[in-house]
Amino acid sequence: MTGVGIHRIRFDSDHLDDIADAITRENIRSLITANTIKIKSFKGTSRGRAQFKALQKKKRGAKAGSKKGRMGARVGKKEVYVKNVRALRYILKVAKDRKEITNPEFKELYKKIGGATVRNKAHLRLLINEAIEKRNN
């Protein structure tokens, strides 16, 4: 009738006679409202420990001590190459737009970037300055 198991129903020991006399559903309902028959509340599984563990796991970062595998295993060589080349090409484009280098110089440096001759931004700036000096002398 109440939709609960027998282990969750408690009878008031002072009114056991009234409970024994209750025959109809209506009688039982009245005893429930009078708190002669009590229904214990549902006890679920506590998520407290699980939430705490999840929070701890979330806190654990991938700092240098926790990393497994070399750098190439985490970030691929191709991704690194593409990122580097795009950055260098952007610097080269800006230099060309500012008219610091001419079109033939641009093409020459562009090929060097694609062929991985240029190591980094500082190296590219050095090459741009060399091209400017060569043109001026």
Protein backbone atom coordinates (compact mmCIF):
# COMPACT_ATOMS: atom_id res chain seq x y z
CA MET A 1 0.00 0.00 0.00
CA THR A 2 2.74 2.49 0.88
CA GLY A 3 5.17 1.04 -1.67
CA VAL A 4 7.96 0.35 0.83
CA GLY A 5 9.62 -2.83 2.07
CA ILE A 6 8.79 -4.46 5.42
CA HIS A 7 12.12 -3.35 6.91
CA ARG A 8 11.15 0.31 6.60
CA ILE A 9 7.84 0.00 8.53
CA ARG A 10 7.88 0.61 12.32
CA PHE A 11 4.96 0.10 14.70
CA ASP A 12 4.43 2.19 17.81
CA SER A 13 4.68 -0.32 20.71
CA ASP A 14 2.11 1.61 22.80
CA HIS A 15 -0.66 1.18 20.20
CA LEU A 16 -0.18 -2.43 19.10
CA ASP A 17 -3.86 -3.21 19.94
CA ASP A 18 -5.08 -0.49 17.55
CA ILE A 19 -2.83 -1.87 14.81
CA ALA A 20 -4.15 -5.42 15.39
CA ASP A 21 -7.74 -4.14 15.10
CA ALA A 22 -7.07 -2.31 11.83
CA ILE A 23 -8.58 -4.43 9.08
CA THR A 24 -9.33 -2.06 6.19
CA ARG A 25 -6.96 0.05 4.13
CA GLU A 26 -8.70 3.15 5.50
CA ASN A 27 -7.87 2.10 9.06
CA ILE A 28 -4.20 1.60 8.11
CA ARG A 29 -4.09 5.02 6.41
CA SER A 30 -5.48 6.71 9.54
CA LEU A 31 -2.85 4.95 11.69
CA ILE A 32 -0.10 6.21 9.33
CA THR A 33 -1.36 9.80 9.57
CA ALA A 34 -1.57 9.45 13.39
CA ASN A 35 2.10 8.28 13.42
CA THR A 36 1.15 4.96 15.02
CA ILE A 37 2.65 3.26 11.98
CA LYS A 38 5.86 5.02 10.93
CA ILE A 39 7.71 4.64 7.63
CA LYS A 40 11.46 5.10 7.86
CA SER A 41 12.98 7.40 5.28
CA PHE A 42 14.96 5.92 2.41
CA LYS A 43 18.69 5.73 2.95
CA GLY A 44 20.60 5.91 -0.32
CA THR A 45 24.26 5.41 -1.15
CA SER A 46 26.39 8.30 0.02
CA ARG A 47 28.27 10.05 -2.79
CA GLY A 48 30.47 12.03 -0.38
CA ARG A 49 33.55 9.84 -0.65
CA ALA A 50 33.18 9.49 -4.42
CA GLN A 51 32.90 13.28 -4.83
CA PHE A 52 35.99 13.79 -2.68
CA LYS A 53 37.95 11.26 -4.74
CA ALA A 54 36.84 12.89 -7.98
CA LEU A 55 37.96 16.27 -6.66
CA GLN A 56 41.37 14.82 -5.72
CA LYS A 57 41.75 13.24 -9.15
CA LYS A 58 40.84 16.54 -10.79
CA LYS A 59 43.50 18.33 -8.74
CA ARG A 60 46.24 16.00 -9.89
CA GLY A 61 47.98 17.86 -12.67
CA ALA A 62 50.30 16.67 -15.36
CA LYS A 63 53.39 18.26 -13.88
CA ALA A 64 56.89 17.20 -14.89
CA GLY A 65 57.01 14.35 -12.35
CA SER A 66 53.79 12.70 -13.57
CA LYS A 67 54.48 12.76 -17.30
CA LYS A 68 55.14 9.50 -19.05
CA GLY A 69 56.73 9.32 -22.47
CA ARG A 70 58.87 11.83 -24.28
CA MET A 71 57.68 15.16 -25.59
CA GLY A 72 56.97 13.71 -29.04
CA ALA A 73 54.53 11.25 -27.49
CA ARG A 74 52.47 14.06 -25.96
CA VAL A 75 52.67 16.64 -28.75
CA GLY A 76 53.42 15.20 -32.19
CA LYS A 77 56.42 16.35 -34.22
CA LYS A 78 54.17 17.46 -37.06
CA GLU A 79 52.03 19.67 -34.78
CA VAL A 80 55.19 21.33 -33.44
CA TYR A 81 56.53 21.83 -36.97
CA VAL A 82 53.27 23.32 -38.28
CA LYS A 83 52.97 25.70 -35.32
CA ASN A 84 56.57 26.86 -35.74
CA VAL A 85 56.29 27.31 -39.52
CA ARG A 86 53.04 29.28 -39.24
CA ALA A 87 54.59 31.63 -36.67
CA LEU A 88 57.68 32.18 -38.84
CA ARG A 89 55.64 32.74 -42.00
CA TYR A 90 53.52 35.32 -40.18
CA ILE A 91 56.64 37.26 -39.11
CA LEU A 92 57.92 37.07 -42.69
CA LYS A 93 54.60 38.36 -44.05
CA VAL A 94 54.63 41.29 -41.62
CA ALA A 95 58.19 42.15 -42.70
CA LYS A 96 57.10 42.09 -46.36
CA ASP A 97 54.00 44.23 -45.66
CA ARG A 98 56.18 46.79 -43.87
CA LYS A 99 58.41 46.82 -46.98
CA GLU A 100 61.42 45.73 -44.93
CA ILE A 101 62.21 43.00 -47.48
CA THR A 102 61.63 42.76 -51.23
CA ASN A 103 59.67 40.01 -53.00
CA PRO A 104 62.73 37.98 -54.08
CA GLU A 105 64.10 38.12 -50.50
CA PHE A 106 60.67 37.08 -49.22
CA LYS A 107 60.57 34.07 -51.55
CA GLU A 108 64.08 32.99 -50.56
CA LEU A 109 63.33 33.21 -46.82
CA TYR A 110 59.92 31.54 -47.32
CA LYS A 111 61.63 28.51 -48.87
CA LYS A 112 64.14 28.41 -46.02
CA ILE A 113 61.30 28.35 -43.49
CA GLY A 114 59.55 25.51 -45.36
CA GLY A 115 62.79 23.55 -45.51
CA ALA A 116 63.35 23.95 -41.75
CA THR A 117 66.60 25.91 -42.27
CA VAL A 118 65.27 28.68 -40.04
CA ARG A 119 65.44 27.51 -36.41
CA ASN A 120 63.25 30.04 -34.60
CA LYS A 121 61.93 33.63 -34.60
CA ALA A 122 65.24 35.10 -33.47
CA HIS A 123 67.05 33.27 -36.28
CA LEU A 124 64.50 34.56 -38.81
CA ARG A 125 64.93 38.16 -37.61
CA LEU A 126 68.70 37.71 -37.97
CA LEU A 127 68.25 36.49 -41.56
CA ILE A 128 65.89 39.39 -42.35
CA ASN A 129 68.45 41.88 -41.00
CA GLU A 130 71.20 40.18 -43.06
CA ALA A 131 69.06 40.48 -46.20
CA ILE A 132 68.45 44.19 -45.49
CA GLU A 133 72.16 44.83 -44.90
CA LYS A 134 73.14 42.94 -48.09
CA ARG A 135 70.67 45.03 -50.09
CA ASN A 136 71.91 48.32 -48.58
CA ASN A 137 75.63 47.58 -49.18
